[in-house]
Amino acid sequence: MIHNDQEMEVTQERILYFQRLLSQLRVTAAPEEFPAVASGYRAEIARMQDDVLEYLTRHASEPTPAEAA
């Protein structure tokens, strides 16, 4: 869960890093190994993108769900 803009920026940087890794793996990984290797990165990218979108669609005045509990 992202709590502030700095955490969002770090998460966006991680997303880009993982996307670059996948881009390289598309070329360097063996075809039979690629699906298994890529699936973990893909899942992590999707999770982080969901976190970013959740943060960006919450108004700045709203507390994060953890703070509200």
Foldseek 3Di string as FASTA:
>chain_A
DDFDPVSLVVLVVVLVVLVVVLVVCVPPPDPVCNVVVNVVSVVSSVVSVVVNVVVVPDDPVDGDPVVVD
